Amino acid sequence: MPPRKRRSYATEYKVEAAHRVIDTGRTIAEVARELGIDAGMLSNWVRDERRRVEAATVHGDEPLSASERAELQALRRRVSEQDKTLRS
């Protein structure tokens, strides 16, 4: 039997998944089931995102709000689409 391929996830996906736990107070297990991913993996993402937010706060920066993250993600998508159009 061939080895199973590892799935990779975009950073934006990881951050959004982590914030489904952080912002809503739902459990990691519940969100992991909803997304169809491993709870241990989501736990790591949540831990990493909490550390990132805490580090931003320590340095006097405000972490992005949910609407700012959504806007940033949409803008990155647009830039990516425009980049693909320019390369064609």
PDB file of N, CA and C in Angstrom:
ATOM      1  N   MET A   1       0.835  -1.159   0.000  1.00  0.00           N
ATOM      2  CA  MET A   1       0.000   0.000   0.000  1.00  0.00           C
ATOM      3  C   MET A   1       0.899   1.248   0.000  1.00  0.00           C
ATOM      4  N   PRO A   2       0.673   2.189  -0.935  1.00  0.00           N
ATOM      5  CA  PRO A   2       1.536   3.369  -0.998  1.00  0.00           C
ATOM      6  C   PRO A   2       1.312   4.276   0.210  1.00  0.00           C
ATOM      7  N   PRO A   3       2.360   5.011   0.585  1.00  0.00           N
ATOM      8  CA  PRO A   3       2.204   5.904   1.740  1.00  0.00           C
ATOM      9  C   PRO A   3       1.172   6.995   1.443  1.00  0.00           C
ATOM     10  N   ARG A   4       0.490   7.399   2.471  1.00  0.00           N
ATOM     11  CA  ARG A   4      -0.548   8.408   2.342  1.00  0.00           C
ATOM     12  C   ARG A   4       0.084   9.786   2.171  1.00  0.00           C
ATOM     13  N   LYS A   5      -0.458  10.578   1.250  1.00  0.00           N
ATOM     14  CA  LYS A   5       0.065  11.920   1.031  1.00  0.00           C
ATOM     15  C   LYS A   5      -0.347  12.829   2.176  1.00  0.00           C
ATOM     16  N   ARG A   6       0.572  13.687   2.587  1.00  0.00           N
ATOM     17  CA  ARG A   6       0.259  14.679   3.619  1.00  0.00           C
ATOM     18  C   ARG A   6      -0.463  15.837   2.988  1.00  0.00           C
ATOM     19  N   ARG A   7      -1.527  16.256   3.607  1.00  0.00           N
ATOM     20  CA  ARG A   7      -2.242  17.430   3.124  1.00  0.00           C
ATOM     21  C   ARG A   7      -1.557  18.665   3.665  1.00  0.00           C
ATOM     22  N   SER A   8      -1.516  19.698   2.861  1.00  0.00           N
ATOM     23  CA  SER A   8      -0.987  20.966   3.349  1.00  0.00           C
ATOM     24  C   SER A   8      -2.112  21.990   3.315  1.00  0.00           C
ATOM     25  N   TYR A   9      -2.054  22.923   4.219  1.00  0.00           N
ATOM     26  CA  TYR A   9      -3.097  23.928   4.351  1.00  0.00           C
ATOM     27  C   TYR A   9      -2.473  25.311   4.254  1.00  0.00           C
ATOM     28  N   ALA A  10      -3.165  26.212   3.589  1.00  0.00           N
ATOM     29  CA  ALA A  10      -2.698  27.587   3.471  1.00  0.00           C
ATOM     30  C   ALA A  10      -2.725  28.252   4.842  1.00  0.00           C
ATOM     31  N   THR A  11      -1.825  29.186   5.043  1.00  0.00           N
ATOM     32  CA  THR A  11      -1.752  29.900   6.310  1.00  0.00           C
ATOM     33  C   THR A  11      -3.077  30.570   6.640  1.00  0.00           C
ATOM     34  N   GLU A  12      -3.720  31.155   5.636  1.00  0.00           N
ATOM     35  CA  GLU A  12      -4.999  31.832   5.870  1.00  0.00           C
ATOM     36  C   GLU A  12      -6.045  30.851   6.404  1.00  0.00           C
ATOM     37  N   TYR A  13      -6.048  29.638   5.862  1.00  0.00           N
ATOM     38  CA  TYR A  13      -7.002  28.624   6.310  1.00  0.00           C
ATOM     39  C   TYR A  13      -6.748  28.275   7.777  1.00  0.00           C
ATOM     40  N   LYS A  14      -5.480  28.112   8.126  1.00  0.00           N
ATOM     41  CA  LYS A  14      -5.129  27.764   9.498  1.00  0.00           C
ATOM     42  C   LYS A  14      -5.574  28.858  10.472  1.00  0.00           C
ATOM     43  N   VAL A  15      -5.321  30.107  10.093  1.00  0.00           N
ATOM     44  CA  VAL A  15      -5.679  31.232  10.959  1.00  0.00           C
ATOM     45  C   VAL A  15      -7.192  31.311  11.114  1.00  0.00           C
ATOM     46  N   GLU A  16      -7.916  31.175  10.016  1.00  0.00           N
ATOM     47  CA  GLU A  16      -9.374  31.236  10.091  1.00  0.00           C
ATOM     48  C   GLU A  16      -9.937  30.088  10.921  1.00  0.00           C
ATOM     49  N   ALA A  17      -9.379  28.894  10.754  1.00  0.00           N
ATOM     50  CA  ALA A  17      -9.836  27.745  11.542  1.00  0.00           C
ATOM     51  C   ALA A  17      -9.566  27.987  13.025  1.00  0.00           C
ATOM     52  N   ALA A  18      -8.390  28.509  13.332  1.00  0.00           N
ATOM     53  CA  ALA A  18      -8.043  28.792  14.731  1.00  0.00           C
ATOM     54  C   ALA A  18      -8.997  29.825  15.320  1.00  0.00           C
ATOM     55  N   HIS A  19      -9.346  30.822  14.533  1.00  0.00           N
ATOM     56  CA  HIS A  19     -10.231  31.864  15.053  1.00  0.00           C
ATOM     57  C   HIS A  19     -11.675  31.389  15.196  1.00  0.00           C
ATOM     58  N   ARG A  20     -12.036  30.313  14.527  1.00  0.00           N
ATOM     59  CA  ARG A  20     -13.364  29.737  14.777  1.00  0.00           C
ATOM     60  C   ARG A  20     -13.439  29.223  16.208  1.00  0.00           C
ATOM     61  N   VAL A  21     -12.312  28.822  16.744  1.00  0.00           N
ATOM     62  CA  VAL A  21     -12.254  28.373  18.141  1.00  0.00           C
ATOM     63  C   VAL A  21     -12.098  29.576  19.062  1.00  0.00           C
ATOM     64  N   ILE A  22     -11.121  30.435  18.763  1.00  0.00           N
ATOM     65  CA  ILE A  22     -10.780  31.560  19.642  1.00  0.00           C
ATOM     66  C   ILE A  22     -11.930  32.552  19.760  1.00  0.00           C
ATOM     67  N   ASP A  23     -12.513  32.940  18.632  1.00  0.00           N
ATOM     68  CA  ASP A  23     -13.524  34.001  18.634  1.00  0.00           C
ATOM     69  C   ASP A  23     -14.892  33.536  19.118  1.00  0.00           C
ATOM     70  N   THR A  24     -15.193  32.263  18.935  1.00  0.00           N
ATOM     71  CA  THR A  24     -16.539  31.789  19.263  1.00  0.00           C
ATOM     72  C   THR A  24     -16.616  31.056  20.596  1.00  0.00           C
ATOM     73  N   GLY A  25     -15.472  30.630  21.115  1.00  0.00           N
ATOM     74  CA  GLY A  25     -15.486  29.879  22.362  1.00  0.00           C
ATOM     75  C   GLY A  25     -15.904  28.419  22.187  1.00  0.00           C
ATOM     76  N   ARG A  26     -16.064  27.996  20.918  1.00  0.00           N
ATOM     77  CA  ARG A  26     -16.410  26.593  20.670  1.00  0.00           C
ATOM     78  C   ARG A  26     -15.192  25.720  20.939  1.00  0.00           C
ATOM     79  N   THR A  27     -15.425  24.434  21.126  1.00  0.00           N
ATOM     80  CA  THR A  27     -14.322  23.527  21.430  1.00  0.00           C
ATOM     81  C   THR A  27     -13.545  23.197  20.165  1.00  0.00           C
ATOM     82  N   ILE A  28     -12.295  22.831  20.379  1.00  0.00           N
ATOM     83  CA  ILE A  28     -11.438  22.428  19.267  1.00  0.00           C
ATOM     84  C   ILE A  28     -12.026  21.194  18.589  1.00  0.00           C
ATOM     85  N   ALA A  29     -12.503  20.244  19.381  1.00  0.00           N
ATOM     86  CA  ALA A  29     -13.070  19.018  18.813  1.00  0.00           C
ATOM     87  C   ALA A  29     -14.273  19.328  17.923  1.00  0.00           C
ATOM     88  N   GLU A  30     -15.127  20.232  18.373  1.00  0.00           N
ATOM     89  CA  GLU A  30     -16.324  20.588  17.615  1.00  0.00           C
ATOM     90  C   GLU A  30     -15.960  21.234  16.275  1.00  0.00           C
ATOM     91  N   VAL A  31     -15.041  22.181  16.297  1.00  0.00           N
ATOM     92  CA  VAL A  31     -14.636  22.874  15.070  1.00  0.00           C
ATOM     93  C   VAL A  31     -13.895  21.910  14.143  1.00  0.00           C
ATOM     94  N   ALA A  32     -13.056  21.058  14.709  1.00  0.00           N
ATOM     95  CA  ALA A  32     -12.316  20.087  13.897  1.00  0.00           C
ATOM     96  C   ALA A  32     -13.279  19.146  13.171  1.00  0.00           C
ATOM     97  N   ARG A  33     -14.310  18.676  13.863  1.00  0.00           N
ATOM     98  CA  ARG A  33     -15.315  17.815  13.223  1.00  0.00           C
ATOM     99  C   ARG A  33     -16.009  18.563  12.094  1.00  0.00           C
ATOM    100  N   GLU A  34     -16.376  19.806  12.360  1.00  0.00           N
ATOM    101  CA  GLU A  34     -17.068  20.624  11.362  1.00  0.00           C
ATOM    102  C   GLU A  34     -16.213  20.801  10.104  1.00  0.00           C
ATOM    103  N   LEU A  35     -14.901  20.987  10.295  1.00  0.00           N
ATOM    104  CA  LEU A  35     -14.005  21.218   9.164  1.00  0.00           C
ATOM    105  C   LEU A  35     -13.455  19.930   8.560  1.00  0.00           C
ATOM    106  N   GLY A  36     -13.649  18.821   9.255  1.00  0.00           N
ATOM    107  CA  GLY A  36     -13.146  17.545   8.761  1.00  0.00           C
ATOM    108  C   GLY A  36     -11.637  17.415   8.868  1.00  0.00           C
ATOM    109  N   ILE A  37     -11.080  17.995   9.931  1.00  0.00           N
ATOM    110  CA  ILE A  37      -9.637  17.916  10.144  1.00  0.00           C
ATOM    111  C   ILE A  37      -9.353  17.316  11.517  1.00  0.00           C
ATOM    112  N   ASP A  38      -8.105  16.942  11.738  1.00  0.00           N
ATOM    113  CA  ASP A  38      -7.692  16.328  12.993  1.00  0.00           C
ATOM    114  C   ASP A  38      -7.695  17.360  14.124  1.00  0.00           C
ATOM    115  N   ALA A  39      -8.258  17.005  15.259  1.00  0.00           N
ATOM    116  CA  ALA A  39      -8.350  17.920  16.396  1.00  0.00           C
ATOM    117  C   ALA A  39      -6.967  18.301  16.925  1.00  0.00           C
ATOM    118  N   GLY A  40      -6.026  17.375  16.900  1.00  0.00           N
ATOM    119  CA  GLY A  40      -4.667  17.672  17.358  1.00  0.00           C
ATOM    120  C   GLY A  40      -4.000  18.725  16.492  1.00  0.00           C
ATOM    121  N   MET A  41      -4.220  18.633  15.198  1.00  0.00           N
ATOM    122  CA  MET A  41      -3.661  19.596  14.269  1.00  0.00           C
ATOM    123  C   MET A  41      -4.283  20.975  14.509  1.00  0.00           C
ATOM    124  N   LEU A  42      -5.599  21.024  14.670  1.00  0.00           N
ATOM    125  CA  LEU A  42      -6.278  22.285  14.941  1.00  0.00           C
ATOM    126  C   LEU A  42      -5.807  22.857  16.274  1.00  0.00           C
ATOM    127  N   SER A  43      -5.579  22.010  17.249  1.00  0.00           N
ATOM    128  CA  SER A  43      -5.078  22.459  18.543  1.00  0.00           C
ATOM    129  C   SER A  43      -3.745  23.189  18.384  1.00  0.00           C
ATOM    130  N   ASN A  44      -2.869  22.653  17.537  1.00  0.00           N
ATOM    131  CA  ASN A  44      -1.588  23.314  17.268  1.00  0.00           C
ATOM    132  C   ASN A  44      -1.800  24.681  16.619  1.00  0.00           C
ATOM    133  N   TRP A  45      -2.734  24.747  15.665  1.00  0.00           N
ATOM    134  CA  TRP A  45      -3.008  26.016  14.988  1.00  0.00           C
ATOM    135  C   TRP A  45      -3.541  27.051  15.968  1.00  0.00           C
ATOM    136  N   VAL A  46      -4.423  26.619  16.871  1.00  0.00           N
ATOM    137  CA  VAL A  46      -4.998  27.530  17.868  1.00  0.00           C
ATOM    138  C   VAL A  46      -3.895  28.031  18.792  1.00  0.00           C
ATOM    139  N   ARG A  47      -3.051  27.134  19.245  1.00  0.00           N
ATOM    140  CA  ARG A  47      -1.934  27.518  20.122  1.00  0.00           C
ATOM    141  C   ARG A  47      -1.028  28.530  19.421  1.00  0.00           C
ATOM    142  N   ASP A  48      -0.672  28.248  18.169  1.00  0.00           N
ATOM    143  CA  ASP A  48       0.189  29.152  17.411  1.00  0.00           C
ATOM    144  C   ASP A  48      -0.453  30.521  17.215  1.00  0.00           C
ATOM    145  N   GLU A  49      -1.746  30.545  16.910  1.00  0.00           N
ATOM    146  CA  GLU A  49      -2.443  31.818  16.686  1.00  0.00           C
ATOM    147  C   GLU A  49      -2.557  32.601  17.987  1.00  0.00           C
ATOM    148  N   ARG A  50      -2.816  31.928  19.076  1.00  0.00           N
ATOM    149  CA  ARG A  50      -2.876  32.633  20.371  1.00  0.00           C
ATOM    150  C   ARG A  50      -1.524  33.255  20.706  1.00  0.00           C
ATOM    151  N   ARG A  51      -0.449  32.535  20.416  1.00  0.00           N
ATOM    152  CA  ARG A  51       0.901  33.077  20.644  1.00  0.00           C
ATOM    153  C   ARG A  51       1.145  34.289  19.750  1.00  0.00           C
ATOM    154  N   ARG A  52       0.720  34.220  18.493  1.00  0.00           N
ATOM    155  CA  ARG A  52       0.926  35.326  17.557  1.00  0.00           C
ATOM    156  C   ARG A  52       0.169  36.564  18.026  1.00  0.00           C
ATOM    157  N   VAL A  53      -1.080  36.378  18.450  1.00  0.00           N
ATOM    158  CA  VAL A  53      -1.892  37.491  18.933  1.00  0.00           C
ATOM    159  C   VAL A  53      -1.270  38.087  20.199  1.00  0.00           C
ATOM    160  N   GLU A  54      -0.816  37.227  21.091  1.00  0.00           N
ATOM    161  CA  GLU A  54      -0.190  37.697  22.324  1.00  0.00           C
ATOM    162  C   GLU A  54       1.091  38.468  22.023  1.00  0.00           C
ATOM    163  N   ALA A  55       1.904  37.977  21.089  1.00  0.00           N
ATOM    164  CA  ALA A  55       3.147  38.666  20.722  1.00  0.00           C
ATOM    165  C   ALA A  55       2.850  40.030  20.112  1.00  0.00           C
ATOM    166  N   ALA A  56       1.812  40.116  19.292  1.00  0.00           N
ATOM    167  CA  ALA A  56       1.431  41.406  18.700  1.00  0.00           C
ATOM    168  C   ALA A  56       1.027  42.379  19.792  1.00  0.00           C
ATOM    169  N   THR A  57       0.281  41.902  20.766  1.00  0.00           N
ATOM    170  CA  THR A  57      -0.176  42.748  21.860  1.00  0.00           C
ATOM    171  C   THR A  57       1.005  43.242  22.696  1.00  0.00           C
ATOM    172  N   VAL A  58       1.955  42.360  22.966  1.00  0.00           N
ATOM    173  CA  VAL A  58       3.142  42.718  23.753  1.00  0.00           C
ATOM    174  C   VAL A  58       3.932  43.819  23.050  1.00  0.00           C
ATOM    175  N   HIS A  59       3.976  43.759  21.716  1.00  0.00           N
ATOM    176  CA  HIS A  59       4.725  44.756  20.944  1.00  0.00           C
ATOM    177  C   HIS A  59       3.897  46.003  20.644  1.00  0.00           C
ATOM    178  N   GLY A  60       2.724  46.110  21.234  1.00  0.00           N
ATOM    179  CA  GLY A  60       1.898  47.296  21.063  1.00  0.00           C
ATOM    180  C   GLY A  60       1.067  47.314  19.799  1.00  0.00           C
ATOM    181  N   ASP A  61       1.018  46.205  19.080  1.00  0.00           N
ATOM    182  CA  ASP A  61       0.208  46.114  17.868  1.00  0.00           C
ATOM    183  C   ASP A  61      -1.145  45.503  18.202  1.00  0.00           C
ATOM    184  N   GLU A  62      -2.146  45.908  17.457  1.00  0.00           N
ATOM    185  CA  GLU A  62      -3.470  45.315  17.601  1.00  0.00           C
ATOM    186  C   GLU A  62      -3.599  44.157  16.610  1.00  0.00           C
ATOM    187  N   PRO A  63      -4.002  42.978  17.049  1.00  0.00           N
ATOM    188  CA  PRO A  63      -4.230  41.886  16.096  1.00  0.00           C
ATOM    189  C   PRO A  63      -5.406  42.234  15.195  1.00  0.00           C
ATOM    190  N   LEU A  64      -5.427  41.657  14.008  1.00  0.00           N
ATOM    191  CA  LEU A  64      -6.505  41.923  13.054  1.00  0.00           C
ATOM    192  C   LEU A  64      -7.838  41.413  13.585  1.00  0.00           C
ATOM    193  N   SER A  65      -8.888  42.165  13.322  1.00  0.00           N
ATOM    194  CA  SER A  65     -10.239  41.722  13.677  1.00  0.00           C
ATOM    195  C   SER A  65     -10.699  40.709  12.632  1.00  0.00           C
ATOM    196  N   ALA A  66     -11.808  40.064  12.901  1.00  0.00           N
ATOM    197  CA  ALA A  66     -12.343  39.073  11.953  1.00  0.00           C
ATOM    198  C   ALA A  66     -12.641  39.727  10.608  1.00  0.00           C
ATOM    199  N   SER A  67     -13.212  40.930  10.607  1.00  0.00           N
ATOM    200  CA  SER A  67     -13.528  41.594   9.336  1.00  0.00           C
ATOM    201  C   SER A  67     -12.255  42.017   8.605  1.00  0.00           C
ATOM    202  N   GLU A  68     -11.237  42.426   9.343  1.00  0.00           N
ATOM    203  CA  GLU A  68      -9.965  42.786   8.708  1.00  0.00           C
ATOM    204  C   GLU A  68      -9.285  41.563   8.105  1.00  0.00           C
ATOM    205  N   ARG A  69      -9.355  40.432   8.808  1.00  0.00           N
ATOM    206  CA  ARG A  69      -8.781  39.202   8.260  1.00  0.00           C
ATOM    207  C   ARG A  69      -9.505  38.785   6.988  1.00  0.00           C
ATOM    208  N   ALA A  70     -10.832  38.906   6.976  1.00  0.00           N
ATOM    209  CA  ALA A  70     -11.619  38.556   5.796  1.00  0.00           C
ATOM    210  C   ALA A  70     -11.266  39.475   4.629  1.00  0.00           C
ATOM    211  N   GLU A  71     -11.134  40.766   4.915  1.00  0.00           N
ATOM    212  CA  GLU A  71     -10.776  41.719   3.864  1.00  0.00           C
ATOM    213  C   GLU A  71      -9.383  41.420   3.320  1.00  0.00           C
ATOM    214  N   LEU A  72      -8.442  41.137   4.196  1.00  0.00           N
ATOM    215  CA  LEU A  72      -7.088  40.815   3.774  1.00  0.00           C
ATOM    216  C   LEU A  72      -7.078  39.562   2.901  1.00  0.00           C
ATOM    217  N   GLN A  73      -7.835  38.560   3.303  1.00  0.00           N
ATOM    218  CA  GLN A  73      -7.904  37.325   2.530  1.00  0.00           C
ATOM    219  C   GLN A  73      -8.492  37.592   1.146  1.00  0.00           C
ATOM    220  N   ALA A  74      -9.544  38.409   1.064  1.00  0.00           N
ATOM    221  CA  ALA A  74     -10.158  38.737  -0.221  1.00  0.00           C
ATOM    222  C   ALA A  74      -9.173  39.510  -1.102  1.00  0.00           C
ATOM    223  N   LEU A  75      -8.443  40.435  -0.513  1.00  0.00           N
ATOM    224  CA  LEU A  75      -7.466  41.205  -1.283  1.00  0.00           C
ATOM    225  C   LEU A  75      -6.334  40.316  -1.792  1.00  0.00           C
ATOM    226  N   ARG A  76      -5.879  39.397  -0.971  1.00  0.00           N
ATOM    227  CA  ARG A  76      -4.825  38.473  -1.408  1.00  0.00           C
ATOM    228  C   ARG A  76      -5.313  37.603  -2.564  1.00  0.00           C
ATOM    229  N   ARG A  77      -6.577  37.193  -2.490  1.00  0.00           N
ATOM    230  CA  ARG A  77      -7.153  36.401  -3.576  1.00  0.00           C
ATOM    231  C   ARG A  77      -7.172  37.208  -4.870  1.00  0.00           C
ATOM    232  N   ARG A  78      -7.598  38.473  -4.772  1.00  0.00           N
ATOM    233  CA  ARG A  78      -7.655  39.343  -5.956  1.00  0.00           C
ATOM    234  C   ARG A  78      -6.272  39.545  -6.555  1.00  0.00           C
ATOM    235  N   VAL A  79      -5.281  39.777  -5.713  1.00  0.00           N
ATOM    236  CA  VAL A  79      -3.914  39.968  -6.198  1.00  0.00           C
ATOM    237  C   VAL A  79      -3.426  38.694  -6.887  1.00  0.00           C
ATOM    238  N   SER A  80      -3.720  37.560  -6.294  1.00  0.00           N
ATOM    239  CA  SER A  80      -3.314  36.286  -6.882  1.00  0.00           C
ATOM    240  C   SER A  80      -3.958  36.080  -8.246  1.00  0.00           C
ATOM    241  N   GLU A  81      -5.250  36.394  -8.354  1.00  0.00           N
ATOM    242  CA  GLU A  81      -5.961  36.248  -9.633  1.00  0.00           C
ATOM    243  C   GLU A  81      -5.377  37.201 -10.678  1.00  0.00           C
ATOM    244  N   GLN A  82      -5.077  38.434 -10.273  1.00  0.00           N
ATOM    245  CA  GLN A  82      -4.514  39.396 -11.204  1.00  0.00           C
ATOM    246  C   GLN A  82      -3.112  38.966 -11.636  1.00  0.00           C
ATOM    247  N   ASP A  83      -2.361  38.404 -10.709  1.00  0.00           N
ATOM    248  CA  ASP A  83      -1.017  37.915 -11.023  1.00  0.00           C
ATOM    249  C   ASP A  83      -1.095  36.792 -12.050  1.00  0.00           C
ATOM    250  N   LYS A  84      -2.059  35.890 -11.892  1.00  0.00           N
ATOM    251  CA  LYS A  84      -2.224  34.796 -12.853  1.00  0.00           C
ATOM    252  C   LYS A  84      -2.615  35.339 -14.225  1.00  0.00           C
ATOM    253  N   THR A  85      -3.449  36.368 -14.240  1.00  0.00           N
ATOM    254  CA  THR A  85      -3.870  36.974 -15.508  1.00  0.00           C
ATOM    255  C   THR A  85      -2.663  37.620 -16.206  1.00  0.00           C
ATOM    256  N   LEU A  86      -1.815  38.280 -15.457  1.00  0.00           N
ATOM    257  CA  LEU A  86      -0.639  38.944 -16.038  1.00  0.00           C
ATOM    258  C   LEU A  86       0.359  37.930 -16.583  1.00  0.00           C
ATOM    259  N   ARG A  87       0.449  36.776 -15.958  1.00  0.00           N
ATOM    260  CA  ARG A  87       1.395  35.749 -16.402  1.00  0.00           C
ATOM    261  C   ARG A  87       0.901  35.007 -17.651  1.00  0.00           C
ATOM    262  N   SER A  88      -0.390  35.093 -17.933  1.00  0.00           N
ATOM    263  CA  SER A  88      -0.963  34.378 -19.080  1.00  0.00           C
ATOM    264  C   SER A  88      -0.661  35.078 -20.384  1.00  0.00           C
TER     265      SER A  88
END
